[in-house]
Amino acid sequence: MDFTFLLGLLAGLLTTTAFVPQVLRTWRTKSANDLSTGMFVVFCSGVTLWLIYGILTRDFPVIIANAVTLMLALTILAMKFKYR
């Protein structure tokens, strides 16, 4: 593995794990009132496009990071609607 690949994996790991505390907090409190629905819809759309880009360019770090980020962001969005 070269430095660029490892850098991509590290960047993806950090940006993806940033969502874990929010998922856990929303799940524990059963409240997502302070989260912007619009922001998460736009964010999920952008992450979906990044995922497609990663697939088309066969960029493994981009694919993995955005697939996991999309799952976490969609989980938050689903809880936003569930816990209204």
PDB file of N, CA and C in Angstrom:
ATOM      1  N   MET A   1       0.847  -1.188   0.000  1.00  0.00           N
ATOM      2  CA  MET A   1       0.000   0.000   0.000  1.00  0.00           C
ATOM      3  C   MET A   1       0.881   1.236   0.000  1.00  0.00           C
ATOM      4  N   ASP A   2       0.540   2.164  -0.864  1.00  0.00           N
ATOM      5  CA  ASP A   2       1.330   3.384  -0.929  1.00  0.00           C
ATOM      6  C   ASP A   2       0.746   4.446   0.014  1.00  0.00           C
ATOM      7  N   PHE A   3       1.490   5.513   0.185  1.00  0.00           N
ATOM      8  CA  PHE A   3       1.122   6.585   1.110  1.00  0.00           C
ATOM      9  C   PHE A   3      -0.222   7.210   0.754  1.00  0.00           C
ATOM     10  N   THR A   4      -0.475   7.436  -0.532  1.00  0.00           N
ATOM     11  CA  THR A   4      -1.727   8.073  -0.960  1.00  0.00           C
ATOM     12  C   THR A   4      -2.931   7.214  -0.589  1.00  0.00           C
ATOM     13  N   PHE A   5      -2.826   5.921  -0.775  1.00  0.00           N
ATOM     14  CA  PHE A   5      -3.900   4.992  -0.423  1.00  0.00           C
ATOM     15  C   PHE A   5      -4.156   5.025   1.082  1.00  0.00           C
ATOM     16  N   LEU A   6      -3.090   4.962   1.874  1.00  0.00           N
ATOM     17  CA  LEU A   6      -3.227   5.006   3.329  1.00  0.00           C
ATOM     18  C   LEU A   6      -3.808   6.335   3.797  1.00  0.00           C
ATOM     19  N   LEU A   7      -3.400   7.413   3.155  1.00  0.00           N
ATOM     20  CA  LEU A   7      -3.939   8.730   3.483  1.00  0.00           C
ATOM     21  C   LEU A   7      -5.446   8.765   3.218  1.00  0.00           C
ATOM     22  N   GLY A   8      -5.865   8.202   2.104  1.00  0.00           N
ATOM     23  CA  GLY A   8      -7.287   8.133   1.779  1.00  0.00           C
ATOM     24  C   GLY A   8      -8.064   7.313   2.789  1.00  0.00           C
ATOM     25  N   LEU A   9      -7.492   6.182   3.209  1.00  0.00           N
ATOM     26  CA  LEU A   9      -8.151   5.358   4.223  1.00  0.00           C
ATOM     27  C   LEU A   9      -8.268   6.092   5.554  1.00  0.00           C
ATOM     28  N   LEU A  10      -7.222   6.778   5.956  1.00  0.00           N
ATOM     29  CA  LEU A  10      -7.245   7.522   7.216  1.00  0.00           C
ATOM     30  C   LEU A  10      -8.250   8.666   7.160  1.00  0.00           C
ATOM     31  N   ALA A  11      -8.260   9.402   6.067  1.00  0.00           N
ATOM     32  CA  ALA A  11      -9.219  10.503   5.912  1.00  0.00           C
ATOM     33  C   ALA A  11     -10.647   9.974   5.959  1.00  0.00           C
ATOM     34  N   GLY A  12     -10.898   8.889   5.274  1.00  0.00           N
ATOM     35  CA  GLY A  12     -12.224   8.280   5.279  1.00  0.00           C
ATOM     36  C   GLY A  12     -12.617   7.787   6.657  1.00  0.00           C
ATOM     37  N   LEU A  13     -11.688   7.183   7.360  1.00  0.00           N
ATOM     38  CA  LEU A  13     -11.955   6.685   8.706  1.00  0.00           C
ATOM     39  C   LEU A  13     -12.350   7.833   9.634  1.00  0.00           C
ATOM     40  N   LEU A  14     -11.598   8.918   9.591  1.00  0.00           N
ATOM     41  CA  LEU A  14     -11.872  10.051  10.478  1.00  0.00           C
ATOM     42  C   LEU A  14     -13.195  10.726  10.159  1.00  0.00           C
ATOM     43  N   THR A  15     -13.463  10.987   8.889  1.00  0.00           N
ATOM     44  CA  THR A  15     -14.709  11.681   8.543  1.00  0.00           C
ATOM     45  C   THR A  15     -15.926  10.787   8.751  1.00  0.00           C
ATOM     46  N   THR A  16     -15.764   9.501   8.588  1.00  0.00           N
ATOM     47  CA  THR A  16     -16.869   8.576   8.788  1.00  0.00           C
ATOM     48  C   THR A  16     -17.177   8.400  10.272  1.00  0.00           C
ATOM     49  N   THR A  17     -16.160   8.187  11.076  1.00  0.00           N
ATOM     50  CA  THR A  17     -16.393   7.968  12.505  1.00  0.00           C
ATOM     51  C   THR A  17     -16.899   9.225  13.205  1.00  0.00           C
ATOM     52  N   ALA A  18     -16.796  10.361  12.572  1.00  0.00           N
ATOM     53  CA  ALA A  18     -17.328  11.592  13.163  1.00  0.00           C
ATOM     54  C   ALA A  18     -18.844  11.507  13.361  1.00  0.00           C
ATOM     55  N   PHE A  19     -19.518  10.670  12.599  1.00  0.00           N
ATOM     56  CA  PHE A  19     -20.968  10.540  12.708  1.00  0.00           C
ATOM     57  C   PHE A  19     -21.402   9.568  13.806  1.00  0.00           C
ATOM     58  N   VAL A  20     -20.530   8.716  14.250  1.00  0.00           N
ATOM     59  CA  VAL A  20     -20.898   7.702  15.237  1.00  0.00           C
ATOM     60  C   VAL A  20     -21.438   8.314  16.534  1.00  0.00           C
ATOM     61  N   PRO A  21     -20.783   9.327  17.119  1.00  0.00           N
ATOM     62  CA  PRO A  21     -21.344   9.906  18.345  1.00  0.00           C
ATOM     63  C   PRO A  21     -22.755  10.478  18.153  1.00  0.00           C
ATOM     64  N   GLN A  22     -23.025  11.066  17.001  1.00  0.00           N
ATOM     65  CA  GLN A  22     -24.363  11.624  16.756  1.00  0.00           C
ATOM     66  C   GLN A  22     -25.398  10.521  16.620  1.00  0.00           C
ATOM     67  N   VAL A  23     -25.042   9.442  15.953  1.00  0.00           N
ATOM     68  CA  VAL A  23     -25.958   8.300  15.835  1.00  0.00           C
ATOM     69  C   VAL A  23     -26.270   7.753  17.227  1.00  0.00           C
ATOM     70  N   LEU A  24     -25.252   7.549  18.031  1.00  0.00           N
ATOM     71  CA  LEU A  24     -25.443   7.001  19.376  1.00  0.00           C
ATOM     72  C   LEU A  24     -26.265   7.940  20.255  1.00  0.00           C
ATOM     73  N   ARG A  25     -25.970   9.226  20.186  1.00  0.00           N
ATOM     74  CA  ARG A  25     -26.703  10.194  21.009  1.00  0.00           C
ATOM     75  C   ARG A  25     -28.176  10.259  20.606  1.00  0.00           C
ATOM     76  N   THR A  26     -28.429  10.287  19.316  1.00  0.00           N
ATOM     77  CA  THR A  26     -29.811  10.340  18.831  1.00  0.00           C
ATOM     78  C   THR A  26     -30.561   9.081  19.224  1.00  0.00           C
ATOM     79  N   TRP A  27     -29.907   7.943  19.135  1.00  0.00           N
ATOM     80  CA  TRP A  27     -30.522   6.670  19.495  1.00  0.00           C
ATOM     81  C   TRP A  27     -30.820   6.607  20.996  1.00  0.00           C
ATOM     82  N   ARG A  28     -29.844   7.062  21.822  1.00  0.00           N
ATOM     83  CA  ARG A  28     -30.036   7.026  23.281  1.00  0.00           C
ATOM     84  C   ARG A  28     -31.127   7.976  23.748  1.00  0.00           C
ATOM     85  N   THR A  29     -31.126   9.201  23.228  1.00  0.00           N
ATOM     86  CA  THR A  29     -32.075  10.217  23.694  1.00  0.00           C
ATOM     87  C   THR A  29     -33.426  10.117  23.004  1.00  0.00           C
ATOM     88  N   LYS A  30     -33.468   9.374  21.901  1.00  0.00           N
ATOM     89  CA  LYS A  30     -34.695   9.257  21.093  1.00  0.00           C
ATOM     90  C   LYS A  30     -35.181  10.638  20.642  1.00  0.00           C
ATOM     91  N   SER A  31     -34.223  11.526  20.381  1.00  0.00           N
ATOM     92  CA  SER A  31     -34.559  12.883  19.951  1.00  0.00           C
ATOM     93  C   SER A  31     -33.568  13.355  18.894  1.00  0.00           C
ATOM     94  N   ALA A  32     -34.126  13.916  17.835  1.00  0.00           N
ATOM     95  CA  ALA A  32     -33.296  14.489  16.776  1.00  0.00           C
ATOM     96  C   ALA A  32     -33.823  15.877  16.413  1.00  0.00           C
ATOM     97  N   ASN A  33     -34.490  16.501  17.363  1.00  0.00           N
ATOM     98  CA  ASN A  33     -35.111  17.801  17.105  1.00  0.00           C
ATOM     99  C   ASN A  33     -34.127  18.873  16.680  1.00  0.00           C
ATOM    100  N   ASP A  34     -32.926  18.840  17.224  1.00  0.00           N
ATOM    101  CA  ASP A  34     -31.936  19.875  16.919  1.00  0.00           C
ATOM    102  C   ASP A  34     -31.191  19.642  15.611  1.00  0.00           C
ATOM    103  N   LEU A  35     -31.454  18.544  14.942  1.00  0.00           N
ATOM    104  CA  LEU A  35     -30.760  18.242  13.693  1.00  0.00           C
ATOM    105  C   LEU A  35     -31.567  18.740  12.504  1.00  0.00           C
ATOM    106  N   SER A  36     -30.889  19.312  11.555  1.00  0.00           N
ATOM    107  CA  SER A  36     -31.536  19.858  10.368  1.00  0.00           C
ATOM    108  C   SER A  36     -31.839  18.751   9.354  1.00  0.00           C
ATOM    109  N   THR A  37     -33.121  18.575   9.070  1.00  0.00           N
ATOM    110  CA  THR A  37     -33.526  17.585   8.066  1.00  0.00           C
ATOM    111  C   THR A  37     -32.962  17.957   6.702  1.00  0.00           C
ATOM    112  N   GLY A  38     -33.069  19.211   6.340  1.00  0.00           N
ATOM    113  CA  GLY A  38     -32.562  19.666   5.041  1.00  0.00           C
ATOM    114  C   GLY A  38     -31.080  19.400   4.877  1.00  0.00           C
ATOM    115  N   MET A  39     -30.321  19.669   5.919  1.00  0.00           N
ATOM    116  CA  MET A  39     -28.879  19.435   5.854  1.00  0.00           C
ATOM    117  C   MET A  39     -28.586  17.960   5.630  1.00  0.00           C
ATOM    118  N   PHE A  40     -29.284  17.075   6.336  1.00  0.00           N
ATOM    119  CA  PHE A  40     -29.023  15.649   6.185  1.00  0.00           C
ATOM    120  C   PHE A  40     -29.480  15.115   4.836  1.00  0.00           C
ATOM    121  N   VAL A  41     -30.548  15.656   4.273  1.00  0.00           N
ATOM    122  CA  VAL A  41     -30.988  15.247   2.932  1.00  0.00           C
ATOM    123  C   VAL A  41     -29.942  15.653   1.895  1.00  0.00           C
ATOM    124  N   VAL A  42     -29.479  16.884   1.978  1.00  0.00           N
ATOM    125  CA  VAL A  42     -28.452  17.362   1.036  1.00  0.00           C
ATOM    126  C   VAL A  42     -27.157  16.585   1.245  1.00  0.00           C
ATOM    127  N   PHE A  43     -26.783  16.366   2.493  1.00  0.00           N
ATOM    128  CA  PHE A  43     -25.559  15.632   2.792  1.00  0.00           C
ATOM    129  C   PHE A  43     -25.619  14.212   2.245  1.00  0.00           C
ATOM    130  N   CYS A  44     -26.728  13.519   2.478  1.00  0.00           N
ATOM    131  CA  CYS A  44     -26.883  12.145   1.974  1.00  0.00           C
ATOM    132  C   CYS A  44     -26.820  12.118   0.443  1.00  0.00           C
ATOM    133  N   SER A  45     -27.384  13.127  -0.196  1.00  0.00           N
ATOM    134  CA  SER A  45     -27.314  13.209  -1.662  1.00  0.00           C
ATOM    135  C   SER A  45     -25.868  13.356  -2.119  1.00  0.00           C
ATOM    136  N   GLY A  46     -25.124  14.227  -1.459  1.00  0.00           N
ATOM    137  CA  GLY A  46     -23.715  14.423  -1.806  1.00  0.00           C
ATOM    138  C   GLY A  46     -22.884  13.178  -1.574  1.00  0.00           C
ATOM    139  N   VAL A  47     -23.111  12.517  -0.451  1.00  0.00           N
ATOM    140  CA  VAL A  47     -22.368  11.289  -0.148  1.00  0.00           C
ATOM    141  C   VAL A  47     -22.710  10.195  -1.155  1.00  0.00           C
ATOM    142  N   THR A  48     -23.965  10.135  -1.577  1.00  0.00           N
ATOM    143  CA  THR A  48     -24.351   9.165  -2.601  1.00  0.00           C
ATOM    144  C   THR A  48     -23.583   9.416  -3.895  1.00  0.00           C
ATOM    145  N   LEU A  49     -23.472  10.674  -4.278  1.00  0.00           N
ATOM    146  CA  LEU A  49     -22.708  11.005  -5.490  1.00  0.00           C
ATOM    147  C   LEU A  49     -21.231  10.662  -5.328  1.00  0.00           C
ATOM    148  N   TRP A  50     -20.664  10.904  -4.139  1.00  0.00           N
ATOM    149  CA  TRP A  50     -19.271  10.526  -3.896  1.00  0.00           C
ATOM    150  C   TRP A  50     -19.106   9.011  -3.976  1.00  0.00           C
ATOM    151  N   LEU A  51     -20.085   8.286  -3.469  1.00  0.00           N
ATOM    152  CA  LEU A  51     -20.038   6.824  -3.543  1.00  0.00           C
ATOM    153  C   LEU A  51     -20.064   6.355  -4.994  1.00  0.00           C
ATOM    154  N   ILE A  52     -20.935   6.929  -5.791  1.00  0.00           N
ATOM    155  CA  ILE A  52     -20.995   6.593  -7.220  1.00  0.00           C
ATOM    156  C   ILE A  52     -19.675   6.930  -7.893  1.00  0.00           C
ATOM    157  N   TYR A  53     -19.129   8.100  -7.577  1.00  0.00           N
ATOM    158  CA  TYR A  53     -17.831   8.503  -8.125  1.00  0.00           C
ATOM    159  C   TYR A  53     -16.755   7.473  -7.765  1.00  0.00           C
ATOM    160  N   GLY A  54     -16.727   7.065  -6.499  1.00  0.00           N
ATOM    161  CA  GLY A  54     -15.737   6.079  -6.061  1.00  0.00           C
ATOM    162  C   GLY A  54     -15.881   4.762  -6.796  1.00  0.00           C
ATOM    163  N   ILE A  55     -17.120   4.347  -7.015  1.00  0.00           N
ATOM    164  CA  ILE A  55     -17.359   3.100  -7.751  1.00  0.00           C
ATOM    165  C   ILE A  55     -16.880   3.226  -9.195  1.00  0.00           C
ATOM    166  N   LEU A  56     -17.221   4.345  -9.826  1.00  0.00           N
ATOM    167  CA  LEU A  56     -16.827   4.546 -11.225  1.00  0.00           C
ATOM    168  C   LEU A  56     -15.313   4.645 -11.400  1.00  0.00           C
ATOM    169  N   THR A  57     -14.633   5.228 -10.422  1.00  0.00           N
ATOM    170  CA  THR A  57     -13.174   5.370 -10.517  1.00  0.00           C
ATOM    171  C   THR A  57     -12.436   4.228  -9.823  1.00  0.00           C
ATOM    172  N   ARG A  58     -13.221   3.317  -9.223  1.00  0.00           N
ATOM    173  CA  ARG A  58     -12.648   2.173  -8.504  1.00  0.00           C
ATOM    174  C   ARG A  58     -11.679   2.606  -7.413  1.00  0.00           C
ATOM    175  N   ASP A  59     -12.084   3.634  -6.682  1.00  0.00           N
ATOM    176  CA  ASP A  59     -11.262   4.190  -5.602  1.00  0.00           C
ATOM    177  C   ASP A  59     -11.760   3.611  -4.277  1.00  0.00           C
ATOM    178  N   PHE A  60     -11.069   2.570  -3.813  1.00  0.00           N
ATOM    179  CA  PHE A  60     -11.498   1.819  -2.642  1.00  0.00           C
ATOM    180  C   PHE A  60     -11.712   2.685  -1.402  1.00  0.00           C
ATOM    181  N   PRO A  61     -10.779   3.577  -1.021  1.00  0.00           N
ATOM    182  CA  PRO A  61     -11.022   4.399   0.165  1.00  0.00           C
ATOM    183  C   PRO A  61     -12.282   5.271   0.032  1.00  0.00           C
ATOM    184  N   VAL A  62     -12.525   5.813  -1.146  1.00  0.00           N
ATOM    185  CA  VAL A  62     -13.713   6.646  -1.362  1.00  0.00           C
ATOM    186  C   VAL A  62     -14.978   5.789  -1.262  1.00  0.00           C
ATOM    187  N   ILE A  63     -14.940   4.592  -1.816  1.00  0.00           N
ATOM    188  CA  ILE A  63     -16.101   3.702  -1.772  1.00  0.00           C
ATOM    189  C   ILE A  63     -16.432   3.324  -0.331  1.00  0.00           C
ATOM    190  N   ILE A  64     -15.461   2.840   0.405  1.00  0.00           N
ATOM    191  CA  ILE A  64     -15.697   2.370   1.770  1.00  0.00           C
ATOM    192  C   ILE A  64     -16.150   3.520   2.667  1.00  0.00           C
ATOM    193  N   ALA A  65     -15.430   4.628   2.633  1.00  0.00           N
ATOM    194  CA  ALA A  65     -15.762   5.762   3.508  1.00  0.00           C
ATOM    195  C   ALA A  65     -17.169   6.279   3.230  1.00  0.00           C
ATOM    196  N   ASN A  66     -17.511   6.426   1.977  1.00  0.00           N
ATOM    197  CA  ASN A  66     -18.813   6.991   1.655  1.00  0.00           C
ATOM    198  C   ASN A  66     -19.950   5.992   1.838  1.00  0.00           C
ATOM    199  N   ALA A  67     -19.704   4.714   1.657  1.00  0.00           N
ATOM    200  CA  ALA A  67     -20.741   3.713   1.915  1.00  0.00           C
ATOM    201  C   ALA A  67     -21.094   3.695   3.399  1.00  0.00           C
ATOM    202  N   VAL A  68     -20.077   3.703   4.255  1.00  0.00           N
ATOM    203  CA  VAL A  68     -20.326   3.690   5.701  1.00  0.00           C
ATOM    204  C   VAL A  68     -20.927   5.020   6.155  1.00  0.00           C
ATOM    205  N   THR A  69     -20.394   6.133   5.643  1.00  0.00           N
ATOM    206  CA  THR A  69     -20.937   7.443   5.998  1.00  0.00           C
ATOM    207  C   THR A  69     -22.396   7.549   5.592  1.00  0.00           C
ATOM    208  N   LEU A  70     -22.735   7.062   4.412  1.00  0.00           N
ATOM    209  CA  LEU A  70     -24.119   7.112   3.950  1.00  0.00           C
ATOM    210  C   LEU A  70     -25.022   6.295   4.872  1.00  0.00           C
ATOM    211  N   MET A  71     -24.573   5.127   5.289  1.00  0.00           N
ATOM    212  CA  MET A  71     -25.374   4.315   6.211  1.00  0.00           C
ATOM    213  C   MET A  71     -25.601   5.052   7.533  1.00  0.00           C
ATOM    214  N   LEU A  72     -24.560   5.677   8.062  1.00  0.00           N
ATOM    215  CA  LEU A  72     -24.694   6.402   9.322  1.00  0.00           C
ATOM    216  C   LEU A  72     -25.604   7.618   9.173  1.00  0.00           C
ATOM    217  N   ALA A  73     -25.416   8.376   8.100  1.00  0.00           N
ATOM    218  CA  ALA A  73     -26.240   9.572   7.882  1.00  0.00           C
ATOM    219  C   ALA A  73     -27.699   9.200   7.636  1.00  0.00           C
ATOM    220  N   LEU A  74     -27.935   8.131   6.888  1.00  0.00           N
ATOM    221  CA  LEU A  74     -29.314   7.682   6.675  1.00  0.00           C
ATOM    222  C   LEU A  74     -29.941   7.164   7.966  1.00  0.00           C
ATOM    223  N   THR A  75     -29.136   6.579   8.829  1.00  0.00           N
ATOM    224  CA  THR A  75     -29.627   6.146  10.143  1.00  0.00           C
ATOM    225  C   THR A  75     -30.088   7.348  10.954  1.00  0.00           C
ATOM    226  N   ILE A  76     -29.289   8.402  10.950  1.00  0.00           N
ATOM    227  CA  ILE A  76     -29.667   9.632  11.655  1.00  0.00           C
ATOM    228  C   ILE A  76     -30.943  10.208  11.044  1.00  0.00           C
ATOM    229  N   LEU A  77     -31.012  10.247   9.733  1.00  0.00           N
ATOM    230  CA  LEU A  77     -32.188  10.787   9.051  1.00  0.00           C
ATOM    231  C   LEU A  77     -33.430   9.959   9.378  1.00  0.00           C
ATOM    232  N   ALA A  78     -33.295   8.649   9.399  1.00  0.00           N
ATOM    233  CA  ALA A  78     -34.427   7.779   9.743  1.00  0.00           C
ATOM    234  C   ALA A  78     -34.885   8.023  11.177  1.00  0.00           C
ATOM    235  N   MET A  79     -33.940   8.187  12.093  1.00  0.00           N
ATOM    236  CA  MET A  79     -34.301   8.472  13.475  1.00  0.00           C
ATOM    237  C   MET A  79     -34.947   9.844  13.607  1.00  0.00           C
ATOM    238  N   LYS A  80     -34.534  10.771  12.758  1.00  0.00           N
ATOM    239  CA  LYS A  80     -35.138  12.105  12.764  1.00  0.00           C
ATOM    240  C   LYS A  80     -36.637  11.988  12.493  1.00  0.00           C
ATOM    241  N   PHE A  81     -37.014  11.159  11.547  1.00  0.00           N
ATOM    242  CA  PHE A  81     -38.427  10.973  11.234  1.00  0.00           C
ATOM    243  C   PHE A  81     -39.138  10.092  12.258  1.00  0.00           C
ATOM    244  N   LYS A  82     -38.438   9.073  12.755  1.00  0.00           N
ATOM    245  CA  LYS A  82     -39.041   8.147  13.713  1.00  0.00           C
ATOM    246  C   LYS A  82     -39.342   8.822  15.054  1.00  0.00           C
ATOM    247  N   TYR A  83     -38.432   9.666  15.525  1.00  0.00           N
ATOM    248  CA  TYR A  83     -38.568  10.253  16.849  1.00  0.00           C
ATOM    249  C   TYR A  83     -39.208  11.641  16.830  1.00  0.00           C
ATOM    250  N   ARG A  84     -40.034  11.941  15.855  1.00  0.00           N
ATOM    251  CA  ARG A  84     -40.708  13.247  15.791  1.00  0.00           C
ATOM    252  C   ARG A  84     -41.570  13.486  16.990  1.00  0.00           C
TER     253      ARG A  84
END
